[in-house]
Amino acid sequence: MAFAVITFQNKKTKQLREAPIGFSWTNFFFGFFVPLFRSDWKWAAIFFVLGWVTFGFACFVTAFFYNKLYTDELISNGFKVKSLNGADKNLIKLKLGLSKL
């Protein structure tokens, strides 16, 4: 399980999304199903193709960076941080490579 979870909210639609930070154990075990269940269609398609071409080996590699990809995608789609859920703000900024949070 990831070491922290951030809650994001879209200011226009008021939609909430939770984004784990750190290694993605769910992606490690379930591959393209993780972005599929998170409604991250682009990465679900990419991970499906990668998993199919590499006979499932890609999920071992993508588990290291998928949560960061998902967080970056949320931020670029207009989501803003609503809650850090008790996590250390400086550690999250370090892991995500963000200057503001």
PDB file of N, CA and C in Angstrom:
ATOM      1  N   MET A   1       0.835  -1.170   0.000  1.00  0.00           N
ATOM      2  CA  MET A   1       0.000   0.000   0.000  1.00  0.00           C
ATOM      3  C   MET A   1       0.884   1.239   0.000  1.00  0.00           C
ATOM      4  N   ALA A   2       0.409   2.293  -0.615  1.00  0.00           N
ATOM      5  CA  ALA A   2       1.151   3.546  -0.695  1.00  0.00           C
ATOM      6  C   ALA A   2       1.279   4.164   0.694  1.00  0.00           C
ATOM      7  N   PHE A   3       2.263   5.039   0.867  1.00  0.00           N
ATOM      8  CA  PHE A   3       2.504   5.590   2.198  1.00  0.00           C
ATOM      9  C   PHE A   3       1.578   6.741   2.548  1.00  0.00           C
ATOM     10  N   ALA A   4       0.898   7.335   1.565  1.00  0.00           N
ATOM     11  CA  ALA A   4      -0.016   8.451   1.833  1.00  0.00           C
ATOM     12  C   ALA A   4      -1.097   8.486   0.754  1.00  0.00           C
ATOM     13  N   VAL A   5      -2.196   9.138   1.094  1.00  0.00           N
ATOM     14  CA  VAL A   5      -3.291   9.312   0.137  1.00  0.00           C
ATOM     15  C   VAL A   5      -3.711  10.778   0.169  1.00  0.00           C
ATOM     16  N   ILE A   6      -3.801  11.377  -1.013  1.00  0.00           N
ATOM     17  CA  ILE A   6      -4.236  12.757  -1.134  1.00  0.00           C
ATOM     18  C   ILE A   6      -5.641  12.765  -1.719  1.00  0.00           C
ATOM     19  N   THR A   7      -6.512  13.596  -1.175  1.00  0.00           N
ATOM     20  CA  THR A   7      -7.845  13.771  -1.724  1.00  0.00           C
ATOM     21  C   THR A   7      -7.843  15.024  -2.594  1.00  0.00           C
ATOM     22  N   PHE A   8      -8.242  14.856  -3.847  1.00  0.00           N
ATOM     23  CA  PHE A   8      -8.332  15.956  -4.793  1.00  0.00           C
ATOM     24  C   PHE A   8      -9.789  16.266  -5.067  1.00  0.00           C
ATOM     25  N   GLN A   9     -10.065  17.540  -5.388  1.00  0.00           N
ATOM     26  CA  GLN A   9     -11.418  17.937  -5.773  1.00  0.00           C
ATOM     27  C   GLN A   9     -11.332  18.824  -7.002  1.00  0.00           C
ATOM     28  N   ASN A  10     -12.202  18.555  -7.966  1.00  0.00           N
ATOM     29  CA  ASN A  10     -12.304  19.396  -9.139  1.00  0.00           C
ATOM     30  C   ASN A  10     -13.185  20.583  -8.783  1.00  0.00           C
ATOM     31  N   LYS A  11     -12.668  21.792  -8.967  1.00  0.00           N
ATOM     32  CA  LYS A  11     -13.401  22.998  -8.557  1.00  0.00           C
ATOM     33  C   LYS A  11     -14.667  23.211  -9.388  1.00  0.00           C
ATOM     34  N   LYS A  12     -14.669  22.772 -10.630  1.00  0.00           N
ATOM     35  CA  LYS A  12     -15.837  22.983 -11.496  1.00  0.00           C
ATOM     36  C   LYS A  12     -16.939  21.965 -11.229  1.00  0.00           C
ATOM     37  N   THR A  13     -16.566  20.705 -11.186  1.00  0.00           N
ATOM     38  CA  THR A  13     -17.563  19.638 -11.068  1.00  0.00           C
ATOM     39  C   THR A  13     -17.772  19.158  -9.635  1.00  0.00           C
ATOM     40  N   LYS A  14     -16.908  19.587  -8.711  1.00  0.00           N
ATOM     41  CA  LYS A  14     -16.946  19.162  -7.302  1.00  0.00           C
ATOM     42  C   LYS A  14     -16.699  17.660  -7.131  1.00  0.00           C
ATOM     43  N   GLN A  15     -16.152  17.028  -8.143  1.00  0.00           N
ATOM     44  CA  GLN A  15     -15.851  15.603  -8.099  1.00  0.00           C
ATOM     45  C   GLN A  15     -14.618  15.366  -7.223  1.00  0.00           C
ATOM     46  N   LEU A  16     -14.676  14.345  -6.382  1.00  0.00           N
ATOM     47  CA  LEU A  16     -13.566  13.987  -5.501  1.00  0.00           C
ATOM     48  C   LEU A  16     -12.831  12.766  -6.050  1.00  0.00           C
ATOM     49  N   ARG A  17     -11.510  12.787  -5.932  1.00  0.00           N
ATOM     50  CA  ARG A  17     -10.678  11.640  -6.305  1.00  0.00           C
ATOM     51  C   ARG A  17      -9.602  11.473  -5.259  1.00  0.00           C
ATOM     52  N   GLU A  18      -9.290  10.242  -4.926  1.00  0.00           N
ATOM     53  CA  GLU A  18      -8.189   9.946  -4.015  1.00  0.00           C
ATOM     54  C   GLU A  18      -7.018   9.411  -4.815  1.00  0.00           C
ATOM     55  N   ALA A  19      -5.841   9.930  -4.504  1.00  0.00           N
ATOM     56  CA  ALA A  19      -4.631   9.511  -5.209  1.00  0.00           C
ATOM     57  C   ALA A  19      -3.593   9.044  -4.199  1.00  0.00           C
ATOM     58  N   PRO A  20      -3.248   7.759  -4.231  1.00  0.00           N
ATOM     59  CA  PRO A  20      -2.185   7.277  -3.352  1.00  0.00           C
ATOM     60  C   PRO A  20      -0.825   7.781  -3.836  1.00  0.00           C
ATOM     61  N   ILE A  21       0.107   7.917  -2.917  1.00  0.00           N
ATOM     62  CA  ILE A  21       1.456   8.380  -3.230  1.00  0.00           C
ATOM     63  C   ILE A  21       2.432   7.279  -2.851  1.00  0.00           C
ATOM     64  N   GLY A  22       3.338   6.977  -3.768  1.00  0.00           N
ATOM     65  CA  GLY A  22       4.340   5.952  -3.505  1.00  0.00           C
ATOM     66  C   GLY A  22       4.185   4.767  -4.445  1.00  0.00           C
ATOM     67  N   PHE A  23       4.785   3.670  -4.079  1.00  0.00           N
ATOM     68  CA  PHE A  23       4.746   2.449  -4.884  1.00  0.00           C
ATOM     69  C   PHE A  23       3.315   1.930  -4.989  1.00  0.00           C
ATOM     70  N   SER A  24       2.908   1.534  -6.188  1.00  0.00           N
ATOM     71  CA  SER A  24       1.544   1.069  -6.406  1.00  0.00           C
ATOM     72  C   SER A  24       1.484  -0.460  -6.358  1.00  0.00           C
ATOM     73  N   TRP A  25       1.182  -0.970  -5.182  1.00  0.00           N
ATOM     74  CA  TRP A  25       1.056  -2.421  -5.046  1.00  0.00           C
ATOM     75  C   TRP A  25      -0.126  -2.951  -5.848  1.00  0.00           C
ATOM     76  N   THR A  26      -1.178  -2.171  -5.935  1.00  0.00           N
ATOM     77  CA  THR A  26      -2.339  -2.623  -6.714  1.00  0.00           C
ATOM     78  C   THR A  26      -1.984  -2.742  -8.185  1.00  0.00           C
ATOM     79  N   ASN A  27      -1.206  -1.816  -8.708  1.00  0.00           N
ATOM     80  CA  ASN A  27      -0.768  -1.915 -10.095  1.00  0.00           C
ATOM     81  C   ASN A  27       0.187  -3.083 -10.274  1.00  0.00           C
ATOM     82  N   PHE A  28       0.998  -3.339  -9.278  1.00  0.00           N
ATOM     83  CA  PHE A  28       1.940  -4.455  -9.315  1.00  0.00           C
ATOM     84  C   PHE A  28       1.202  -5.784  -9.498  1.00  0.00           C
ATOM     85  N   PHE A  29       0.087  -5.963  -8.769  1.00  0.00           N
ATOM     86  CA  PHE A  29      -0.640  -7.222  -8.823  1.00  0.00           C
ATOM     87  C   PHE A  29      -1.740  -7.266  -9.883  1.00  0.00           C
ATOM     88  N   PHE A  30      -2.367  -6.125 -10.181  1.00  0.00           N
ATOM     89  CA  PHE A  30      -3.534  -6.139 -11.055  1.00  0.00           C
ATOM     90  C   PHE A  30      -3.352  -5.409 -12.379  1.00  0.00           C
ATOM     91  N   GLY A  31      -2.188  -4.833 -12.620  1.00  0.00           N
ATOM     92  CA  GLY A  31      -1.856  -4.252 -13.910  1.00  0.00           C
ATOM     93  C   GLY A  31      -2.812  -3.178 -14.393  1.00  0.00           C
ATOM     94  N   PHE A  32      -3.333  -3.342 -15.597  1.00  0.00           N
ATOM     95  CA  PHE A  32      -4.135  -2.300 -16.229  1.00  0.00           C
ATOM     96  C   PHE A  32      -5.505  -2.111 -15.586  1.00  0.00           C
ATOM     97  N   PHE A  33      -5.912  -3.013 -14.701  1.00  0.00           N
ATOM     98  CA  PHE A  33      -7.215  -2.845 -14.040  1.00  0.00           C
ATOM     99  C   PHE A  33      -7.238  -1.634 -13.110  1.00  0.00           C
ATOM    100  N   VAL A  34      -6.092  -1.269 -12.554  1.00  0.00           N
ATOM    101  CA  VAL A  34      -6.039  -0.130 -11.627  1.00  0.00           C
ATOM    102  C   VAL A  34      -6.421   1.167 -12.324  1.00  0.00           C
ATOM    103  N   PRO A  35      -5.759   1.549 -13.432  1.00  0.00           N
ATOM    104  CA  PRO A  35      -6.209   2.776 -14.106  1.00  0.00           C
ATOM    105  C   PRO A  35      -7.623   2.646 -14.672  1.00  0.00           C
ATOM    106  N   LEU A  36      -8.027   1.447 -15.001  1.00  0.00           N
ATOM    107  CA  LEU A  36      -9.379   1.235 -15.508  1.00  0.00           C
ATOM    108  C   LEU A  36     -10.404   1.557 -14.426  1.00  0.00           C
ATOM    109  N   PHE A  37     -10.199   1.095 -13.203  1.00  0.00           N
ATOM    110  CA  PHE A  37     -11.133   1.371 -12.111  1.00  0.00           C
ATOM    111  C   PHE A  37     -11.066   2.823 -11.644  1.00  0.00           C
ATOM    112  N   ARG A  38      -9.941   3.485 -11.878  1.00  0.00           N
ATOM    113  CA  ARG A  38      -9.815   4.903 -11.514  1.00  0.00           C
ATOM    114  C   ARG A  38     -10.309   5.825 -12.630  1.00  0.00           C
ATOM    115  N   SER A  39     -10.871   5.275 -13.685  1.00  0.00           N
ATOM    116  CA  SER A  39     -11.349   6.025 -14.857  1.00  0.00           C
ATOM    117  C   SER A  39     -10.227   6.790 -15.541  1.00  0.00           C
ATOM    118  N   ASP A  40      -9.058   6.224 -15.532  1.00  0.00           N
ATOM    119  CA  ASP A  40      -7.891   6.795 -16.192  1.00  0.00           C
ATOM    120  C   ASP A  40      -7.697   6.031 -17.498  1.00  0.00           C
ATOM    121  N   TRP A  41      -8.536   6.368 -18.467  1.00  0.00           N
ATOM    122  CA  TRP A  41      -8.668   5.562 -19.693  1.00  0.00           C
ATOM    123  C   TRP A  41      -7.376   5.514 -20.507  1.00  0.00           C
ATOM    124  N   LYS A  42      -6.678   6.626 -20.598  1.00  0.00           N
ATOM    125  CA  LYS A  42      -5.456   6.662 -21.403  1.00  0.00           C
ATOM    126  C   LYS A  42      -4.425   5.668 -20.875  1.00  0.00           C
ATOM    127  N   TRP A  43      -4.169   5.719 -19.560  1.00  0.00           N
ATOM    128  CA  TRP A  43      -3.159   4.827 -18.989  1.00  0.00           C
ATOM    129  C   TRP A  43      -3.651   3.387 -18.923  1.00  0.00           C
ATOM    130  N   ALA A  44      -4.940   3.178 -18.817  1.00  0.00           N
ATOM    131  CA  ALA A  44      -5.468   1.809 -18.858  1.00  0.00           C
ATOM    132  C   ALA A  44      -5.172   1.176 -20.215  1.00  0.00           C
ATOM    133  N   ALA A  45      -5.381   1.925 -21.282  1.00  0.00           N
ATOM    134  CA  ALA A  45      -5.106   1.403 -22.625  1.00  0.00           C
ATOM    135  C   ALA A  45      -3.610   1.160 -22.824  1.00  0.00           C
ATOM    136  N   ILE A  46      -2.794   2.099 -22.369  1.00  0.00           N
ATOM    137  CA  ILE A  46      -1.342   1.952 -22.524  1.00  0.00           C
ATOM    138  C   ILE A  46      -0.835   0.758 -21.722  1.00  0.00           C
ATOM    139  N   PHE A  47      -1.288   0.623 -20.479  1.00  0.00           N
ATOM    140  CA  PHE A  47      -0.846  -0.501 -19.653  1.00  0.00           C
ATOM    141  C   PHE A  47      -1.355  -1.836 -20.180  1.00  0.00           C
ATOM    142  N   PHE A  48      -2.545  -1.841 -20.779  1.00  0.00           N
ATOM    143  CA  PHE A  48      -3.057  -3.078 -21.373  1.00  0.00           C
ATOM    144  C   PHE A  48      -2.155  -3.534 -22.514  1.00  0.00           C
ATOM    145  N   VAL A  49      -1.803  -2.596 -23.388  1.00  0.00           N
ATOM    146  CA  VAL A  49      -0.929  -2.938 -24.518  1.00  0.00           C
ATOM    147  C   VAL A  49       0.448  -3.362 -24.028  1.00  0.00           C
ATOM    148  N   LEU A  50       1.004  -2.603 -23.080  1.00  0.00           N
ATOM    149  CA  LEU A  50       2.318  -2.969 -22.535  1.00  0.00           C
ATOM    150  C   LEU A  50       2.287  -4.342 -21.867  1.00  0.00           C
ATOM    151  N   GLY A  51       1.239  -4.609 -21.107  1.00  0.00           N
ATOM    152  CA  GLY A  51       1.110  -5.908 -20.445  1.00  0.00           C
ATOM    153  C   GLY A  51       0.965  -7.042 -21.433  1.00  0.00           C
ATOM    154  N   TRP A  52       0.240  -6.786 -22.507  1.00  0.00           N
ATOM    155  CA  TRP A  52       0.024  -7.819 -23.511  1.00  0.00           C
ATOM    156  C   TRP A  52       1.321  -8.111 -24.270  1.00  0.00           C
ATOM    157  N   VAL A  53       2.052  -7.049 -24.617  1.00  0.00           N
ATOM    158  CA  VAL A  53       3.300  -7.209 -25.380  1.00  0.00           C
ATOM    159  C   VAL A  53       4.385  -7.858 -24.529  1.00  0.00           C
ATOM    160  N   THR A  54       4.436  -7.527 -23.233  1.00  0.00           N
ATOM    161  CA  THR A  54       5.503  -8.039 -22.373  1.00  0.00           C
ATOM    162  C   THR A  54       5.063  -9.246 -21.540  1.00  0.00           C
ATOM    163  N   PHE A  55       3.918  -9.813 -21.857  1.00  0.00           N
ATOM    164  CA  PHE A  55       3.380 -10.973 -21.132  1.00  0.00           C
ATOM    165  C   PHE A  55       3.208 -10.702 -19.641  1.00  0.00           C
ATOM    166  N   GLY A  56       2.799  -9.470 -19.299  1.00  0.00           N
ATOM    167  CA  GLY A  56       2.528  -9.106 -17.923  1.00  0.00           C
ATOM    168  C   GLY A  56       3.704  -8.544 -17.158  1.00  0.00           C
ATOM    169  N   PHE A  57       4.885  -8.559 -17.724  1.00  0.00           N
ATOM    170  CA  PHE A  57       6.060  -8.049 -17.021  1.00  0.00           C
ATOM    171  C   PHE A  57       5.994  -6.542 -16.796  1.00  0.00           C
ATOM    172  N   ALA A  58       5.291  -5.822 -17.643  1.00  0.00           N
ATOM    173  CA  ALA A  58       5.225  -4.358 -17.545  1.00  0.00           C
ATOM    174  C   ALA A  58       4.622  -3.896 -16.226  1.00  0.00           C
ATOM    175  N   CYS A  59       3.739  -4.687 -15.627  1.00  0.00           N
ATOM    176  CA  CYS A  59       3.129  -4.260 -14.360  1.00  0.00           C
ATOM    177  C   CYS A  59       4.167  -4.182 -13.248  1.00  0.00           C
ATOM    178  N   PHE A  60       5.241  -4.925 -13.336  1.00  0.00           N
ATOM    179  CA  PHE A  60       6.307  -4.823 -12.348  1.00  0.00           C
ATOM    180  C   PHE A  60       7.025  -3.476 -12.471  1.00  0.00           C
ATOM    181  N   VAL A  61       7.173  -2.995 -13.687  1.00  0.00           N
ATOM    182  CA  VAL A  61       7.869  -1.733 -13.934  1.00  0.00           C
ATOM    183  C   VAL A  61       6.954  -0.543 -13.670  1.00  0.00           C
ATOM    184  N   THR A  62       5.728  -0.598 -14.154  1.00  0.00           N
ATOM    185  CA  THR A  62       4.814   0.536 -14.027  1.00  0.00           C
ATOM    186  C   THR A  62       4.374   0.778 -12.587  1.00  0.00           C
ATOM    187  N   ALA A  63       4.485  -0.215 -11.737  1.00  0.00           N
ATOM    188  CA  ALA A  63       4.094  -0.050 -10.335  1.00  0.00           C
ATOM    189  C   ALA A  63       4.938   1.005  -9.630  1.00  0.00           C
ATOM    190  N   PHE A  64       6.146   1.242 -10.124  1.00  0.00           N
ATOM    191  CA  PHE A  64       7.024   2.220  -9.501  1.00  0.00           C
ATOM    192  C   PHE A  64       6.613   3.664  -9.785  1.00  0.00           C
ATOM    193  N   PHE A  65       5.916   3.907 -10.896  1.00  0.00           N
ATOM    194  CA  PHE A  65       5.626   5.296 -11.239  1.00  0.00           C
ATOM    195  C   PHE A  65       4.164   5.586 -11.565  1.00  0.00           C
ATOM    196  N   TYR A  66       3.259   4.613 -11.491  1.00  0.00           N
ATOM    197  CA  TYR A  66       1.881   4.895 -11.886  1.00  0.00           C
ATOM    198  C   TYR A  66       1.184   5.895 -10.966  1.00  0.00           C
ATOM    199  N   ASN A  67       1.373   5.817  -9.667  1.00  0.00           N
ATOM    200  CA  ASN A  67       0.693   6.750  -8.768  1.00  0.00           C
ATOM    201  C   ASN A  67       1.106   8.194  -9.037  1.00  0.00           C
ATOM    202  N   LYS A  68       2.361   8.429  -9.394  1.00  0.00           N
ATOM    203  CA  LYS A  68       2.793   9.769  -9.760  1.00  0.00           C
ATOM    204  C   LYS A  68       2.142  10.200 -11.065  1.00  0.00           C
ATOM    205  N   LEU A  69       2.052   9.305 -12.032  1.00  0.00           N
ATOM    206  CA  LEU A  69       1.371   9.628 -13.289  1.00  0.00           C
ATOM    207  C   LEU A  69      -0.080  10.013 -13.050  1.00  0.00           C
ATOM    208  N   TYR A  70      -0.739   9.258 -12.194  1.00  0.00           N
ATOM    209  CA  TYR A  70      -2.147   9.511 -11.899  1.00  0.00           C
ATOM    210  C   TYR A  70      -2.323  10.862 -11.208  1.00  0.00           C
ATOM    211  N   THR A  71      -1.456  11.180 -10.267  1.00  0.00           N
ATOM    212  CA  THR A  71      -1.526  12.457  -9.572  1.00  0.00           C
ATOM    213  C   THR A  71      -1.272  13.618 -10.532  1.00  0.00           C
ATOM    214  N   ASP A  72      -0.259  13.481 -11.385  1.00  0.00           N
ATOM    215  CA  ASP A  72       0.022  14.526 -12.370  1.00  0.00           C
ATOM    216  C   ASP A  72      -1.154  14.725 -13.315  1.00  0.00           C
ATOM    217  N   GLU A  73      -1.792  13.637 -13.700  1.00  0.00           N
ATOM    218  CA  GLU A  73      -2.960  13.710 -14.591  1.00  0.00           C
ATOM    219  C   GLU A  73      -4.117  14.441 -13.907  1.00  0.00           C
ATOM    220  N   LEU A  74      -4.339  14.166 -12.633  1.00  0.00           N
ATOM    221  CA  LEU A  74      -5.403  14.861 -11.903  1.00  0.00           C
ATOM    222  C   LEU A  74      -5.129  16.359 -11.826  1.00  0.00           C
ATOM    223  N   ILE A  75      -3.908  16.714 -11.518  1.00  0.00           N
ATOM    224  CA  ILE A  75      -3.557  18.130 -11.412  1.00  0.00           C
ATOM    225  C   ILE A  75      -3.716  18.830 -12.760  1.00  0.00           C
ATOM    226  N   SER A  76      -3.294  18.170 -13.827  1.00  0.00           N
ATOM    227  CA  SER A  76      -3.427  18.789 -15.154  1.00  0.00           C
ATOM    228  C   SER A  76      -4.879  18.881 -15.614  1.00  0.00           C
ATOM    229  N   ASN A  77      -5.763  18.084 -15.038  1.00  0.00           N
ATOM    230  CA  ASN A  77      -7.180  18.132 -15.387  1.00  0.00           C
ATOM    231  C   ASN A  77      -7.979  19.079 -14.489  1.00  0.00           C
ATOM    232  N   GLY A  78      -7.296  19.885 -13.710  1.00  0.00           N
ATOM    233  CA  GLY A  78      -7.979  20.900 -12.923  1.00  0.00           C
ATOM    234  C   GLY A  78      -8.333  20.507 -11.503  1.00  0.00           C
ATOM    235  N   PHE A  79      -7.859  19.390 -11.025  1.00  0.00           N
ATOM    236  CA  PHE A  79      -8.113  18.987  -9.649  1.00  0.00           C
ATOM    237  C   PHE A  79      -7.150  19.711  -8.714  1.00  0.00           C
ATOM    238  N   LYS A  80      -7.638  20.104  -7.565  1.00  0.00           N
ATOM    239  CA  LYS A  80      -6.837  20.771  -6.542  1.00  0.00           C
ATOM    240  C   LYS A  80      -6.849  19.924  -5.272  1.00  0.00           C
ATOM    241  N   VAL A  81      -5.799  20.042  -4.489  1.00  0.00           N
ATOM    242  CA  VAL A  81      -5.693  19.281  -3.248  1.00  0.00           C
ATOM    243  C   VAL A  81      -6.752  19.768  -2.261  1.00  0.00           C
ATOM    244  N   LYS A  82      -7.549  18.839  -1.777  1.00  0.00           N
ATOM    245  CA  LYS A  82      -8.544  19.164  -0.760  1.00  0.00           C
ATOM    246  C   LYS A  82      -8.037  18.773   0.621  1.00  0.00           C
ATOM    247  N   SER A  83      -7.400  17.588   0.706  1.00  0.00           N
ATOM    248  CA  SER A  83      -6.934  17.098   1.996  1.00  0.00           C
ATOM    249  C   SER A  83      -5.716  16.201   1.791  1.00  0.00           C
ATOM    250  N   LEU A  84      -4.773  16.311   2.714  1.00  0.00           N
ATOM    251  CA  LEU A  84      -3.602  15.434   2.688  1.00  0.00           C
ATOM    252  C   LEU A  84      -3.801  14.195   3.549  1.00  0.00           C
ATOM    253  N   ASN A  85      -4.925  14.111   4.243  1.00  0.00           N
ATOM    254  CA  ASN A  85      -5.273  12.960   5.075  1.00  0.00           C
ATOM    255  C   ASN A  85      -4.197  12.630   6.103  1.00  0.00           C
ATOM    256  N   GLY A  86      -3.649  13.666   6.731  1.00  0.00           N
ATOM    257  CA  GLY A  86      -2.679  13.473   7.803  1.00  0.00           C
ATOM    258  C   GLY A  86      -1.271  13.169   7.351  1.00  0.00           C
ATOM    259  N   ALA A  87      -0.997  13.220   6.056  1.00  0.00           N
ATOM    260  CA  ALA A  87       0.341  12.909   5.558  1.00  0.00           C
ATOM    261  C   ALA A  87       1.257  14.126   5.692  1.00  0.00           C
ATOM    262  N   ASP A  88       2.546  13.890   5.670  1.00  0.00           N
ATOM    263  CA  ASP A  88       3.538  14.950   5.769  1.00  0.00           C
ATOM    264  C   ASP A  88       3.635  15.689   4.437  1.00  0.00           C
ATOM    265  N   LYS A  89       3.314  16.975   4.460  1.00  0.00           N
ATOM    266  CA  LYS A  89       3.269  17.786   3.243  1.00  0.00           C
ATOM    267  C   LYS A  89       4.629  17.847   2.545  1.00  0.00           C
ATOM    268  N   ASN A  90       5.703  18.006   3.288  1.00  0.00           N
ATOM    269  CA  ASN A  90       7.029  18.111   2.690  1.00  0.00           C
ATOM    270  C   ASN A  90       7.467  16.807   2.032  1.00  0.00           C
ATOM    271  N   LEU A  91       7.144  15.684   2.640  1.00  0.00           N
ATOM    272  CA  LEU A  91       7.494  14.386   2.055  1.00  0.00           C
ATOM    273  C   LEU A  91       6.722  14.147   0.760  1.00  0.00           C
ATOM    274  N   ILE A  92       5.462  14.529   0.731  1.00  0.00           N
ATOM    275  CA  ILE A  92       4.657  14.369  -0.483  1.00  0.00           C
ATOM    276  C   ILE A  92       5.193  15.266  -1.590  1.00  0.00           C
ATOM    277  N   LYS A  93       5.544  16.504  -1.257  1.00  0.00           N
ATOM    278  CA  LYS A  93       6.115  17.407  -2.254  1.00  0.00           C
ATOM    279  C   LYS A  93       7.406  16.836  -2.821  1.00  0.00           C
ATOM    280  N   LEU A  94       8.200  16.218  -1.977  1.00  0.00           N
ATOM    281  CA  LEU A  94       9.446  15.614  -2.410  1.00  0.00           C
ATOM    282  C   LEU A  94       9.194  14.435  -3.353  1.00  0.00           C
ATOM    283  N   LYS A  95       8.254  13.570  -2.979  1.00  0.00           N
ATOM    284  CA  LYS A  95       7.949  12.385  -3.794  1.00  0.00           C
ATOM    285  C   LYS A  95       7.357  12.755  -5.141  1.00  0.00           C
ATOM    286  N   LEU A  96       6.490  13.779  -5.163  1.00  0.00           N
ATOM    287  CA  LEU A  96       5.820  14.178  -6.405  1.00  0.00           C
ATOM    288  C   LEU A  96       6.641  15.157  -7.240  1.00  0.00           C
ATOM    289  N   GLY A  97       7.638  15.785  -6.633  1.00  0.00           N
ATOM    290  CA  GLY A  97       8.428  16.762  -7.355  1.00  0.00           C
ATOM    291  C   GLY A  97       7.654  18.042  -7.609  1.00  0.00           C
ATOM    292  N   LEU A  98       6.773  18.410  -6.691  1.00  0.00           N
ATOM    293  CA  LEU A  98       5.956  19.606  -6.844  1.00  0.00           C
ATOM    294  C   LEU A  98       6.555  20.743  -6.032  1.00  0.00           C
ATOM    295  N   SER A  99       6.479  21.952  -6.581  1.00  0.00           N
ATOM    296  CA  SER A  99       6.947  23.110  -5.835  1.00  0.00           C
ATOM    297  C   SER A  99       5.846  23.676  -4.947  1.00  0.00           C
ATOM    298  N   LYS A 100       4.593  23.507  -5.348  1.00  0.00           N
ATOM    299  CA  LYS A 100       3.474  23.975  -4.524  1.00  0.00           C
ATOM    300  C   LYS A 100       2.484  22.841  -4.350  1.00  0.00           C
ATOM    301  N   LEU A 101       1.880  22.815  -3.203  1.00  0.00           N
ATOM    302  CA  LEU A 101       0.896  21.772  -2.911  1.00  0.00           C
ATOM    303  C   LEU A 101      -0.176  22.342  -2.025  1.00  0.00           C
TER     304      LEU A 101
END
